[in-house]
C-alpha atoms as a PDB file:
ATOM      1  CA  UNK A   1    -176.257-195.916-121.522  1.00  0.00           C
ATOM      2  CA  UNK A   2    -173.152-195.409-119.450  1.00  0.00           C
ATOM      3  CA  UNK A   3    -172.569-191.872-120.740  1.00  0.00           C
ATOM      4  CA  UNK A   4    -176.184-190.945-120.022  1.00  0.00           C
ATOM      5  CA  UNK A   5    -175.783-192.175-116.449  1.00  0.00           C
ATOM      6  CA  UNK A   6    -172.759-189.944-115.920  1.00  0.00           C
ATOM      7  CA  UNK A   7    -174.634-186.928-117.216  1.00  0.00           C
ATOM      8  CA  UNK A   8    -177.403-187.544-114.694  1.00  0.00           C
ATOM      9  CA  UNK A   9    -175.219-188.273-111.682  1.00  0.00           C
ATOM     10  CA  UNK A  10    -172.687-185.422-112.033  1.00  0.00           C
ATOM     11  CA  UNK A  11    -175.126-182.658-110.969  1.00  0.00           C
ATOM     12  CA  UNK A  12    -176.324-184.862-108.128  1.00  0.00           C
ATOM     13  CA  UNK A  13    -172.747-185.367-106.975  1.00  0.00           C
ATOM     14  CA  UNK A  14    -172.014-181.605-107.124  1.00  0.00           C
ATOM     15  CA  UNK A  15    -175.152-180.776-105.171  1.00  0.00           C
ATOM     16  CA  UNK A  16    -174.308-183.317-102.473  1.00  0.00           C
ATOM     17  CA  UNK A  17    -170.732-182.000-102.270  1.00  0.00           C
ATOM     18  CA  UNK A  18    -171.977-178.434-101.868  1.00  0.00           C
ATOM     19  CA  UNK A  19    -174.421-179.458 -99.150  1.00  0.00           C
ATOM     20  CA  UNK A  20    -171.681-181.374 -97.341  1.00  0.00           C
ATOM     21  CA  UNK A  21    -169.316-178.378 -97.532  1.00  0.00           C
ATOM     22  CA  UNK A  22    -171.991-176.069 -96.158  1.00  0.00           C
ATOM     23  CA  UNK A  23    -172.704-178.494 -93.335  1.00  0.00           C
ATOM     24  CA  UNK A  24    -169.023-178.798 -92.433  1.00  0.00           C
ATOM     25  CA  UNK A  25    -168.511-175.025 -92.561  1.00  0.00           C
ATOM     26  CA  UNK A  26    -171.555-174.432 -90.386  1.00  0.00           C
ATOM     27  CA  UNK A  27    -170.356-177.051 -87.927  1.00  0.00           C
ATOM     28  CA  UNK A  28    -166.929-175.415 -87.719  1.00  0.00           C
ATOM     29  CA  UNK A  29    -168.437-171.973 -87.159  1.00  0.00           C
ATOM     30  CA  UNK A  30    -170.773-173.338 -84.495  1.00  0.00           C
ATOM     31  CA  UNK A  31    -167.929-175.142 -82.769  1.00  0.00           C
ATOM     32  CA  UNK A  32    -165.817-171.963 -82.861  1.00  0.00           C
ATOM     33  CA  UNK A  33    -168.621-169.932 -81.347  1.00  0.00           C
ATOM     34  CA  UNK A  34    -169.228-172.567 -78.656  1.00  0.00           C
ATOM     35  CA  UNK A  35    -165.546-172.497 -77.712  1.00  0.00           C
ATOM     36  CA  UNK A  36    -165.431-168.698 -77.382  1.00  0.00           C
ATOM     37  CA  UNK A  37    -163.329-167.408 -75.796  1.00  0.00           C
ATOM     38  CA  UNK A  38    -160.501-169.921 -76.138  1.00  0.00           C
ATOM     39  CA  UNK A  39    -157.742-167.577 -74.895  1.00  0.00           C
ATOM     40  CA  UNK A  40    -157.308-164.257 -73.100  1.00  0.00           C
ATOM     41  CA  UNK A  41    -159.292-161.331 -74.529  1.00  0.00           C
ATOM     42  CA  UNK A  42    -157.744-157.883 -74.914  1.00  0.00           C
ATOM     43  CA  UNK A  43    -159.901-154.835 -74.177  1.00  0.00           C
ATOM     44  CA  UNK A  44    -158.253-151.892 -75.922  1.00  0.00           C
ATOM     45  CA  UNK A  45    -158.667-148.602 -74.051  1.00  0.00           C
ATOM     46  CA  UNK A  46    -157.645-145.812 -76.478  1.00  0.00           C
ATOM     47  CA  UNK A  47    -156.850-143.401 -73.634  1.00  0.00           C
ATOM     48  CA  UNK A  48    -153.966-142.867 -71.243  1.00  0.00           C
ATOM     49  CA  UNK A  49    -154.098-144.835 -68.003  1.00  0.00           C
ATOM     50  CA  UNK A  50    -156.486-143.557 -65.339  1.00  0.00           C
ATOM     51  CA  UNK A  51    -159.991-142.141 -65.562  1.00  0.00           C
ATOM     52  CA  UNK A  52    -163.448-143.500 -66.217  1.00  0.00           C
ATOM     53  CA  UNK A  53    -162.503-145.553 -69.277  1.00  0.00           C
ATOM     54  CA  UNK A  54    -160.022-147.653 -67.318  1.00  0.00           C
ATOM     55  CA  UNK A  55    -162.480-148.167 -64.487  1.00  0.00           C
ATOM     56  CA  UNK A  56    -165.228-149.357 -66.825  1.00  0.00           C
ATOM     57  CA  UNK A  57    -162.843-151.583 -68.777  1.00  0.00           C
ATOM     58  CA  UNK A  58    -161.778-153.282 -65.539  1.00  0.00           C
ATOM     59  CA  UNK A  59    -165.362-153.703 -64.312  1.00  0.00           C
ATOM     60  CA  UNK A  60    -166.571-155.143 -67.619  1.00  0.00           C
ATOM     61  CA  UNK A  61    -163.450-157.274 -67.931  1.00  0.00           C
ATOM     62  CA  UNK A  62    -163.851-158.749 -64.459  1.00  0.00           C
ATOM     63  CA  UNK A  63    -167.507-159.558 -65.078  1.00  0.00           C
ATOM     64  CA  UNK A  64    -166.915-161.135 -68.489  1.00  0.00           C
ATOM     65  CA  UNK A  65    -163.934-163.100 -67.215  1.00  0.00           C
ATOM     66  CA  UNK A  66    -165.948-164.497 -64.310  1.00  0.00           C
ATOM     67  CA  UNK A  67    -168.762-165.547 -66.618  1.00  0.00           C
ATOM     68  CA  UNK A  68    -166.759-166.824 -69.598  1.00  0.00           C
ATOM     69  CA  UNK A  69    -163.781-168.427 -67.883  1.00  0.00           C
ATOM     70  CA  UNK A  70    -160.990-166.469 -69.583  1.00  0.00           C
ATOM     71  CA  UNK A  71    -159.034-163.321 -68.707  1.00  0.00           C
ATOM     72  CA  UNK A  72    -160.302-160.033 -70.185  1.00  0.00           C
ATOM     73  CA  UNK A  73    -157.282-157.731 -70.010  1.00  0.00           C
ATOM     74  CA  UNK A  74    -157.550-153.910 -70.417  1.00  0.00           C
ATOM     75  CA  UNK A  75    -154.681-152.435 -72.464  1.00  0.00           C
ATOM     76  CA  UNK A  76    -154.129-148.680 -72.808  1.00  0.00           C
ATOM     77  CA  UNK A  77    -153.382-147.610 -76.376  1.00  0.00           C
ATOM     78  CA  UNK A  78    -153.657-143.787 -76.393  1.00  0.00           C
ATOM     79  CA  UNK A  79    -152.811-141.437 -79.228  1.00  0.00           C
ATOM     80  CA  UNK A  80    -154.323-139.416 -82.086  1.00  0.00           C
ATOM     81  CA  UNK A  81    -157.441-138.513 -80.128  1.00  0.00           C
ATOM     82  CA  UNK A  82    -158.328-142.232 -79.601  1.00  0.00           C
ATOM     83  CA  UNK A  83    -157.796-143.100 -83.287  1.00  0.00           C
ATOM     84  CA  UNK A  84    -154.693-145.239 -82.674  1.00  0.00           C
ATOM     85  CA  UNK A  85    -156.416-147.653 -80.326  1.00  0.00           C
ATOM     86  CA  UNK A  86    -159.565-147.745 -82.421  1.00  0.00           C
ATOM     87  CA  UNK A  87    -157.605-148.605 -85.564  1.00  0.00           C
ATOM     88  CA  UNK A  88    -155.851-151.445 -83.735  1.00  0.00           C
ATOM     89  CA  UNK A  89    -159.229-153.018 -82.990  1.00  0.00           C
ATOM     90  CA  UNK A  90    -160.534-152.420 -86.511  1.00  0.00           C
ATOM     91  CA  UNK A  91    -157.507-154.263 -87.942  1.00  0.00           C
ATOM     92  CA  UNK A  92    -157.676-157.177 -85.495  1.00  0.00           C
ATOM     93  CA  UNK A  93    -159.208-160.564 -86.251  1.00  0.00           C
ATOM     94  CA  UNK A  94    -163.032-160.533 -85.918  1.00  0.00           C
ATOM     95  CA  UNK A  95    -163.093-163.416 -83.465  1.00  0.00           C
ATOM     96  CA  UNK A  96    -164.079-161.630 -80.243  1.00  0.00           C
ATOM     97  CA  UNK A  97    -160.590-161.730 -78.728  1.00  0.00           C
ATOM     98  CA  UNK A  98    -159.907-158.009 -79.244  1.00  0.00           C
ATOM     99  CA  UNK A  99    -162.516-155.527 -78.009  1.00  0.00           C
ATOM    100  CA  UNK A 100    -162.727-151.746 -77.722  1.00  0.00           C
ATOM    101  CA  UNK A 101    -163.877-149.440 -74.953  1.00  0.00           C
ATOM    102  CA  UNK A 102    -164.693-146.161 -76.643  1.00  0.00           C
ATOM    103  CA  UNK A 103    -166.334-142.830 -75.970  1.00  0.00           C
ATOM    104  CA  UNK A 104    -167.528-139.594 -77.597  1.00  0.00           C
ATOM    105  CA  UNK A 105    -164.545-139.427 -79.957  1.00  0.00           C
ATOM    106  CA  UNK A 106    -165.862-142.470 -81.815  1.00  0.00           C
ATOM    107  CA  UNK A 107    -168.742-140.319 -83.111  1.00  0.00           C
ATOM    108  CA  UNK A 108    -166.861-137.013 -83.341  1.00  0.00           C
ATOM    109  CA  UNK A 109    -163.601-138.048 -85.006  1.00  0.00           C
ATOM    110  CA  UNK A 110    -165.072-139.002 -88.405  1.00  0.00           C
ATOM    111  CA  UNK A 111    -166.299-135.413 -88.592  1.00  0.00           C
ATOM    112  CA  UNK A 112    -163.219-133.793 -87.046  1.00  0.00           C
ATOM    113  CA  UNK A 113    -160.646-135.424 -89.322  1.00  0.00           C
ATOM    114  CA  UNK A 114    -160.687-135.061 -93.078  1.00  0.00           C
ATOM    115  CA  UNK A 115    -159.335-138.595 -93.490  1.00  0.00           C
ATOM    116  CA  UNK A 116    -159.656-141.541 -91.137  1.00  0.00           C
ATOM    117  CA  UNK A 117    -158.356-145.053 -91.890  1.00  0.00           C
ATOM    118  CA  UNK A 118    -161.620-146.590 -90.684  1.00  0.00           C
ATOM    119  CA  UNK A 119    -165.380-146.071 -90.826  1.00  0.00           C
ATOM    120  CA  UNK A 120    -167.026-145.860 -87.405  1.00  0.00           C
ATOM    121  CA  UNK A 121    -170.380-147.209 -88.560  1.00  0.00           C
ATOM    122  CA  UNK A 122    -169.183-150.107 -90.728  1.00  0.00           C
ATOM    123  CA  UNK A 123    -165.794-151.208 -89.347  1.00  0.00           C
ATOM    124  CA  UNK A 124    -166.947-151.853 -85.784  1.00  0.00           C
ATOM    125  CA  UNK A 125    -169.683-154.020 -84.286  1.00  0.00           C
ATOM    126  CA  UNK A 126    -171.406-152.395 -81.281  1.00  0.00           C
ATOM    127  CA  UNK A 127    -172.003-154.653 -78.275  1.00  0.00           C
ATOM    128  CA  UNK A 128    -173.529-152.285 -75.719  1.00  0.00           C
ATOM    129  CA  UNK A 129    -173.358-148.728 -74.459  1.00  0.00           C
ATOM    130  CA  UNK A 130    -171.994-149.249 -70.965  1.00  0.00           C
ATOM    131  CA  UNK A 131    -172.713-145.974 -69.231  1.00  0.00           C
ATOM    132  CA  UNK A 132    -173.292-142.272 -69.630  1.00  0.00           C
ATOM    133  CA  UNK A 133    -171.975-139.405 -67.508  1.00  0.00           C
ATOM    134  CA  UNK A 134    -173.753-136.047 -67.830  1.00  0.00           C
ATOM    135  CA  UNK A 135    -171.874-132.818 -68.362  1.00  0.00           C
ATOM    136  CA  UNK A 136    -171.810-130.249 -65.572  1.00  0.00           C
ATOM    137  CA  UNK A 137    -170.961-126.567 -65.932  1.00  0.00           C
ATOM    138  CA  UNK A 138    -168.536-125.234 -63.325  1.00  0.00           C
ATOM    139  CA  UNK A 139    -167.220-121.675 -62.950  1.00  0.00           C
ATOM    140  CA  UNK A 140    -164.793-119.895 -60.578  1.00  0.00           C
ATOM    141  CA  UNK A 141    -166.251-119.171 -57.162  1.00  0.00           C
ATOM    142  CA  UNK A 142    -165.582-115.460 -57.763  1.00  0.00           C
ATOM    143  CA  UNK A 143    -167.722-115.308 -60.903  1.00  0.00           C
ATOM    144  CA  UNK A 144    -170.826-113.280 -59.979  1.00  0.00           C
ATOM    145  CA  UNK A 145    -173.391-115.748 -61.355  1.00  0.00           C
ATOM    146  CA  UNK A 146    -175.386-118.516 -59.672  1.00  0.00           C
ATOM    147  CA  UNK A 147    -178.030-119.585 -62.188  1.00  0.00           C
ATOM    148  CA  UNK A 148    -178.207-120.528 -65.855  1.00  0.00           C
ATOM    149  CA  UNK A 149    -180.055-117.307 -66.695  1.00  0.00           C
ATOM    150  CA  UNK A 150    -177.456-115.192 -64.912  1.00  0.00           C
ATOM    151  CA  UNK A 151    -174.640-117.103 -66.601  1.00  0.00           C
ATOM    152  CA  UNK A 152    -176.042-116.614 -70.123  1.00  0.00           C
ATOM    153  CA  UNK A 153    -176.759-112.938 -69.470  1.00  0.00           C
ATOM    154  CA  UNK A 154    -173.229-112.431 -68.110  1.00  0.00           C
ATOM    155  CA  UNK A 155    -171.626-113.927 -71.231  1.00  0.00           C
ATOM    156  CA  UNK A 156    -173.873-112.040 -73.649  1.00  0.00           C
ATOM    157  CA  UNK A 157    -172.944-108.775 -71.958  1.00  0.00           C
ATOM    158  CA  UNK A 158    -169.248-109.588 -72.604  1.00  0.00           C
ATOM    159  CA  UNK A 159    -169.025-111.185 -76.070  1.00  0.00           C
ATOM    160  CA  UNK A 160    -165.583-112.636 -76.765  1.00  0.00           C
ATOM    161  CA  UNK A 161    -164.192-111.532 -73.391  1.00  0.00           C
ATOM    162  CA  UNK A 162    -164.600-114.782 -71.424  1.00  0.00           C
ATOM    163  CA  UNK A 163    -162.615-117.995 -71.816  1.00  0.00           C
ATOM    164  CA  UNK A 164    -163.683-121.608 -71.638  1.00  0.00           C
ATOM    165  CA  UNK A 165    -161.484-124.636 -70.945  1.00  0.00           C
ATOM    166  CA  UNK A 166    -161.315-127.961 -72.737  1.00  0.00           C
ATOM    167  CA  UNK A 167    -159.026-130.989 -72.922  1.00  0.00           C
ATOM    168  CA  UNK A 168    -158.088-130.151 -76.522  1.00  0.00           C
ATOM    169  CA  UNK A 169    -159.664-129.687 -79.932  1.00  0.00           C
ATOM    170  CA  UNK A 170    -162.522-132.132 -80.417  1.00  0.00           C
ATOM    171  CA  UNK A 171    -162.544-133.252 -76.785  1.00  0.00           C
ATOM    172  CA  UNK A 172    -165.820-133.772 -74.983  1.00  0.00           C
ATOM    173  CA  UNK A 173    -165.673-130.381 -73.154  1.00  0.00           C
ATOM    174  CA  UNK A 174    -164.889-128.663 -76.457  1.00  0.00           C
ATOM    175  CA  UNK A 175    -167.884-130.224 -78.197  1.00  0.00           C
ATOM    176  CA  UNK A 176    -170.100-129.621 -75.171  1.00  0.00           C
ATOM    177  CA  UNK A 177    -169.241-125.928 -75.038  1.00  0.00           C
ATOM    178  CA  UNK A 178    -169.644-125.421 -78.776  1.00  0.00           C
ATOM    179  CA  UNK A 179    -173.088-127.039 -78.593  1.00  0.00           C
ATOM    180  CA  UNK A 180    -173.991-124.705 -75.731  1.00  0.00           C
ATOM    181  CA  UNK A 181    -172.762-121.729 -77.759  1.00  0.00           C
ATOM    182  CA  UNK A 182    -174.906-122.731 -80.727  1.00  0.00           C
ATOM    183  CA  UNK A 183    -178.003-123.119 -78.553  1.00  0.00           C
ATOM    184  CA  UNK A 184    -177.594-119.887 -76.579  1.00  0.00           C
ATOM    185  CA  UNK A 185    -175.971-117.633 -79.175  1.00  0.00           C
ATOM    186  CA  UNK A 186    -173.061-116.832 -76.871  1.00  0.00           C
ATOM    187  CA  UNK A 187    -169.442-116.055 -77.797  1.00  0.00           C
ATOM    188  CA  UNK A 188    -166.478-117.291 -75.728  1.00  0.00           C
ATOM    189  CA  UNK A 189    -162.783-117.976 -76.386  1.00  0.00           C
ATOM    190  CA  UNK A 190    -161.479-121.548 -76.423  1.00  0.00           C
ATOM    191  CA  UNK A 191    -158.457-122.324 -74.213  1.00  0.00           C
ATOM    192  CA  UNK A 192    -157.330-125.973 -74.546  1.00  0.00           C
ATOM    193  CA  UNK A 193    -155.575-127.706 -71.632  1.00  0.00           C
ATOM    194  CA  UNK A 194    -153.702-131.043 -71.666  1.00  0.00           C
ATOM    195  CA  UNK A 195    -156.241-132.734 -69.387  1.00  0.00           C
ATOM    196  CA  UNK A 196    -159.060-132.511 -66.887  1.00  0.00           C
ATOM    197  CA  UNK A 197    -156.888-131.667 -63.883  1.00  0.00           C
ATOM    198  CA  UNK A 198    -155.121-128.664 -65.462  1.00  0.00           C
ATOM    199  CA  UNK A 199    -158.422-127.434 -66.925  1.00  0.00           C
ATOM    200  CA  UNK A 200    -160.080-127.514 -63.504  1.00  0.00           C
ATOM    201  CA  UNK A 201    -157.112-125.650 -61.989  1.00  0.00           C
ATOM    202  CA  UNK A 202    -157.478-123.027 -64.717  1.00  0.00           C
ATOM    203  CA  UNK A 203    -161.087-122.465 -63.708  1.00  0.00           C
ATOM    204  CA  UNK A 204    -160.220-122.347 -60.005  1.00  0.00           C
ATOM    205  CA  UNK A 205    -157.717-119.564 -60.711  1.00  0.00           C
ATOM    206  CA  UNK A 206    -160.180-117.670 -62.938  1.00  0.00           C
ATOM    207  CA  UNK A 207    -157.763-117.957 -65.876  1.00  0.00           C
ATOM    208  CA  UNK A 208    -160.737-119.447 -67.689  1.00  0.00           C
ATOM    209  CA  UNK A 209    -164.273-118.695 -66.630  1.00  0.00           C
ATOM    210  CA  UNK A 210    -165.997-122.007 -67.340  1.00  0.00           C
ATOM    211  CA  UNK A 211    -165.575-125.706 -67.932  1.00  0.00           C
ATOM    212  CA  UNK A 212    -168.227-128.074 -69.287  1.00  0.00           C
ATOM    213  CA  UNK A 213    -166.953-131.262 -67.671  1.00  0.00           C
ATOM    214  CA  UNK A 214    -168.143-134.732 -66.817  1.00  0.00           C
ATOM    215  CA  UNK A 215    -168.995-134.977 -63.127  1.00  0.00           C
ATOM    216  CA  UNK A 216    -166.104-137.139 -61.915  1.00  0.00           C
ATOM    217  CA  UNK A 217    -163.089-134.819 -62.508  1.00  0.00           C
ATOM    218  CA  UNK A 218    -164.722-131.882 -60.708  1.00  0.00           C
ATOM    219  CA  UNK A 219    -166.841-133.597 -58.048  1.00  0.00           C
ATOM    220  CA  UNK A 220    -164.305-133.248 -55.232  1.00  0.00           C
ATOM    221  CA  UNK A 221    -163.574-129.626 -56.131  1.00  0.00           C
ATOM    222  CA  UNK A 222    -167.281-128.804 -56.055  1.00  0.00           C
ATOM    223  CA  UNK A 223    -167.759-130.556 -52.725  1.00  0.00           C
ATOM    224  CA  UNK A 224    -164.679-128.749 -51.376  1.00  0.00           C
ATOM    225  CA  UNK A 225    -166.047-125.354 -52.380  1.00  0.00           C
ATOM    226  CA  UNK A 226    -163.280-124.668 -54.918  1.00  0.00           C
ATOM    227  CA  UNK A 227    -165.543-124.649 -57.970  1.00  0.00           C
ATOM    228  CA  UNK A 228    -169.074-123.338 -58.338  1.00  0.00           C
ATOM    229  CA  UNK A 229    -171.558-125.601 -60.167  1.00  0.00           C
ATOM    230  CA  UNK A 230    -174.201-123.860 -62.257  1.00  0.00           C
ATOM    231  CA  UNK A 231    -176.213-126.679 -63.857  1.00  0.00           C
ATOM    232  CA  UNK A 232    -176.062-130.256 -65.101  1.00  0.00           C
ATOM    233  CA  UNK A 233    -176.874-131.189 -68.715  1.00  0.00           C
ATOM    234  CA  UNK A 234    -179.152-134.147 -67.996  1.00  0.00           C
ATOM    235  CA  UNK A 235    -182.826-135.067 -67.741  1.00  0.00           C
ATOM    236  CA  UNK A 236    -182.636-135.112 -63.962  1.00  0.00           C
ATOM    237  CA  UNK A 237    -180.399-133.986 -61.130  1.00  0.00           C
ATOM    238  CA  UNK A 238    -177.413-136.079 -60.117  1.00  0.00           C
ATOM    239  CA  UNK A 239    -177.755-138.014 -56.842  1.00  0.00           C
ATOM    240  CA  UNK A 240    -174.160-136.968 -56.126  1.00  0.00           C
ATOM    241  CA  UNK A 241    -175.082-133.274 -56.412  1.00  0.00           C
ATOM    242  CA  UNK A 242    -178.799-133.072 -55.642  1.00  0.00           C
ATOM    243  CA  UNK A 243    -178.745-129.298 -55.136  1.00  0.00           C
ATOM    244  CA  UNK A 244    -177.436-128.602 -58.665  1.00  0.00           C
ATOM    245  CA  UNK A 245    -180.336-127.968 -61.085  1.00  0.00           C
ATOM    246  CA  UNK A 246    -180.557-129.159 -64.680  1.00  0.00           C
ATOM    247  CA  UNK A 247    -180.180-126.724 -67.567  1.00  0.00           C
ATOM    248  CA  UNK A 248    -183.838-127.349 -68.415  1.00  0.00           C
ATOM    249  CA  UNK A 249    -184.793-126.135 -64.946  1.00  0.00           C
ATOM    250  CA  UNK A 250    -182.836-122.983 -65.772  1.00  0.00           C
ATOM    251  CA  UNK A 251    -184.723-122.438 -69.024  1.00  0.00           C
ATOM    252  CA  UNK A 252    -182.169-123.804 -71.534  1.00  0.00           C
ATOM    253  CA  UNK A 253    -182.882-126.997 -73.505  1.00  0.00           C
ATOM    254  CA  UNK A 254    -179.331-128.314 -73.353  1.00  0.00           C
ATOM    255  CA  UNK A 255    -178.190-131.905 -72.770  1.00  0.00           C
ATOM    256  CA  UNK A 256    -174.761-133.395 -73.204  1.00  0.00           C
ATOM    257  CA  UNK A 257    -173.018-136.416 -71.764  1.00  0.00           C
ATOM    258  CA  UNK A 258    -169.794-138.350 -71.981  1.00  0.00           C
ATOM    259  CA  UNK A 259    -170.651-141.931 -72.850  1.00  0.00           C
ATOM    260  CA  UNK A 260    -168.732-145.188 -72.927  1.00  0.00           C
ATOM    261  CA  UNK A 261    -169.354-148.270 -75.014  1.00  0.00           C
ATOM    262  CA  UNK A 262    -168.032-151.750 -75.820  1.00  0.00           C
ATOM    263  CA  UNK A 263    -167.405-152.749 -79.438  1.00  0.00           C
ATOM    264  CA  UNK A 264    -165.753-155.482 -81.507  1.00  0.00           C
ATOM    265  CA  UNK A 265    -164.325-155.539 -85.032  1.00  0.00           C
ATOM    266  CA  UNK A 266    -166.874-155.727 -87.835  1.00  0.00           C
ATOM    267  CA  UNK A 267    -167.717-159.232 -89.061  1.00  0.00           C
ATOM    268  CA  UNK A 268    -167.379-160.701 -85.576  1.00  0.00           C
ATOM    269  CA  UNK A 269    -169.900-163.602 -85.586  1.00  0.00           C
ATOM    270  CA  UNK A 270    -173.366-162.692 -84.352  1.00  0.00           C
ATOM    271  CA  UNK A 271    -173.211-165.518 -81.813  1.00  0.00           C
ATOM    272  CA  UNK A 272    -170.116-163.995 -80.186  1.00  0.00           C
ATOM    273  CA  UNK A 273    -171.639-160.511 -80.159  1.00  0.00           C
ATOM    274  CA  UNK A 274    -174.755-161.984 -78.510  1.00  0.00           C
ATOM    275  CA  UNK A 275    -172.630-163.775 -75.902  1.00  0.00           C
ATOM    276  CA  UNK A 276    -170.666-160.635 -75.079  1.00  0.00           C
ATOM    277  CA  UNK A 277    -173.821-158.530 -74.939  1.00  0.00           C
ATOM    278  CA  UNK A 278    -175.648-160.922 -72.635  1.00  0.00           C
ATOM    279  CA  UNK A 279    -172.795-161.218 -70.160  1.00  0.00           C
ATOM    280  CA  UNK A 280    -171.960-157.494 -70.306  1.00  0.00           C
ATOM    281  CA  UNK A 281    -175.543-156.624 -69.421  1.00  0.00           C
ATOM    282  CA  UNK A 282    -175.534-159.198 -66.617  1.00  0.00           C
ATOM    283  CA  UNK A 283    -172.357-157.599 -65.265  1.00  0.00           C
ATOM    284  CA  UNK A 284    -173.789-154.091 -65.434  1.00  0.00           C
ATOM    285  CA  UNK A 285    -176.935-155.181 -63.627  1.00  0.00           C
ATOM    286  CA  UNK A 286    -174.993-156.327 -60.580  1.00  0.00           C
ATOM    287  CA  UNK A 287    -175.826-153.944 -57.684  1.00  0.00           C
ATOM    288  CA  UNK A 288    -172.152-153.513 -56.769  1.00  0.00           C
ATOM    289  CA  UNK A 289    -171.225-152.578 -60.337  1.00  0.00           C
ATOM    290  CA  UNK A 290    -174.120-150.148 -60.701  1.00  0.00           C
ATOM    291  CA  UNK A 291    -173.104-148.547 -57.397  1.00  0.00           C
ATOM    292  CA  UNK A 292    -169.512-148.087 -58.598  1.00  0.00           C
ATOM    293  CA  UNK A 293    -170.721-146.448 -61.823  1.00  0.00           C
ATOM    294  CA  UNK A 294    -172.938-144.056 -59.859  1.00  0.00           C
ATOM    295  CA  UNK A 295    -170.041-143.230 -57.541  1.00  0.00           C
ATOM    296  CA  UNK A 296    -168.141-142.048 -60.627  1.00  0.00           C
ATOM    297  CA  UNK A 297    -170.967-139.720 -61.610  1.00  0.00           C
ATOM    298  CA  UNK A 298    -172.341-142.040 -64.285  1.00  0.00           C
ATOM    299  CA  UNK A 299    -175.466-143.998 -65.080  1.00  0.00           C
ATOM    300  CA  UNK A 300    -175.623-147.552 -66.437  1.00  0.00           C
ATOM    301  CA  UNK A 301    -177.158-147.847 -69.929  1.00  0.00           C
ATOM    302  CA  UNK A 302    -176.651-151.496 -71.041  1.00  0.00           C
ATOM    303  CA  UNK A 303    -178.633-151.233 -74.279  1.00  0.00           C
ATOM    304  CA  UNK A 304    -178.854-153.609 -77.255  1.00  0.00           C
ATOM    305  CA  UNK A 305    -176.249-153.644 -80.066  1.00  0.00           C
ATOM    306  CA  UNK A 306    -178.680-152.154 -82.585  1.00  0.00           C
ATOM    307  CA  UNK A 307    -179.669-149.437 -80.113  1.00  0.00           C
ATOM    308  CA  UNK A 308    -176.030-148.562 -79.491  1.00  0.00           C
ATOM    309  CA  UNK A 309    -175.412-148.390 -83.257  1.00  0.00           C
ATOM    310  CA  UNK A 310    -178.377-146.032 -83.689  1.00  0.00           C
ATOM    311  CA  UNK A 311    -177.129-143.911 -80.792  1.00  0.00           C
ATOM    312  CA  UNK A 312    -173.660-143.534 -82.355  1.00  0.00           C
ATOM    313  CA  UNK A 313    -175.303-142.488 -85.645  1.00  0.00           C
ATOM    314  CA  UNK A 314    -177.467-139.915 -83.847  1.00  0.00           C
ATOM    315  CA  UNK A 315    -174.392-138.523 -82.070  1.00  0.00           C
ATOM    316  CA  UNK A 316    -172.607-138.164 -85.411  1.00  0.00           C
ATOM    317  CA  UNK A 317    -175.600-136.305 -86.831  1.00  0.00           C
ATOM    318  CA  UNK A 318    -175.642-133.974 -83.828  1.00  0.00           C
ATOM    319  CA  UNK A 319    -171.899-133.315 -83.830  1.00  0.00           C
ATOM    320  CA  UNK A 320    -171.772-132.666 -87.575  1.00  0.00           C
ATOM    321  CA  UNK A 321    -173.589-129.352 -87.180  1.00  0.00           C
ATOM    322  CA  UNK A 322    -171.552-128.293 -84.159  1.00  0.00           C
ATOM    323  CA  UNK A 323    -168.209-129.137 -85.780  1.00  0.00           C
ATOM    324  CA  UNK A 324    -169.110-127.489 -89.084  1.00  0.00           C
ATOM    325  CA  UNK A 325    -170.284-124.289 -87.428  1.00  0.00           C
ATOM    326  CA  UNK A 326    -167.217-124.031 -85.165  1.00  0.00           C
ATOM    327  CA  UNK A 327    -164.655-124.733 -87.912  1.00  0.00           C
ATOM    328  CA  UNK A 328    -162.790-127.260 -85.755  1.00  0.00           C
ATOM    329  CA  UNK A 329    -162.031-129.809 -88.487  1.00  0.00           C
ATOM    330  CA  UNK A 330    -158.488-131.196 -88.410  1.00  0.00           C
ATOM    331  CA  UNK A 331    -156.167-132.621 -91.079  1.00  0.00           C
END
């Protein structure tokens, strides 16, 4: 009788133990999520100091810190076309205490480099796309064109004779120009510069005849009459430059933007992602924050994590054709 009792109670005991373990584990996870964040949070900016990424990291960090009661500290970790900083976040603990501010390179680099030590779509957890800044085409003031149609006709009459500037292979201006080339069937020579300032100076001196840039680096030069804007690659005109038409107004279906987003390591608990998303969106909806983004030539997006993930995938699909056709893949 005693042995039969043991046979009946052992499974019961194991089941109860398993249920207790699951309850304890769930309680620990819930407690951890409720305590988030329990120390300072690092926001990795995989770019050199200065520029739109730093500004957005500070704005998001200030808003999250105010709402969550801990410091959110931007840290610049440039190198390898943003791959160094991105890899640091990928390798960090998935507890919400290391975040990433990233941009176009997040979608382009998996296609540019033959081998990457991370997978953009599976090793990172999107939180929200913060903002988007449309590309604007600027040319030297001496270039005898004023419209999109005149610009395209001018290039086609001089195949391979005109130069375009970028910030390096695979940079946003490089991808933007190659996309424009593929759409319009034009042929220009790539001249990479070490940054936005030198590239703009190159256009001012007519050493290069065009730059597809985000609005911010060239806004002052346009307003000062040192660069000529041709068109903006957006759905609508920029409130900062209301007299500059869109490419669509000029007869070319061309859109391109530099975008910025907030991400965490993969496997970060859903509750933490939800907390970060909610407070990031609240921050971005503040009138003062929206005004600062607009002043930098951008537009607040503040979408959902799944929407940001789908957007990154769509950008990768779009860039894959451009990168393949332009033979810009790197080792």
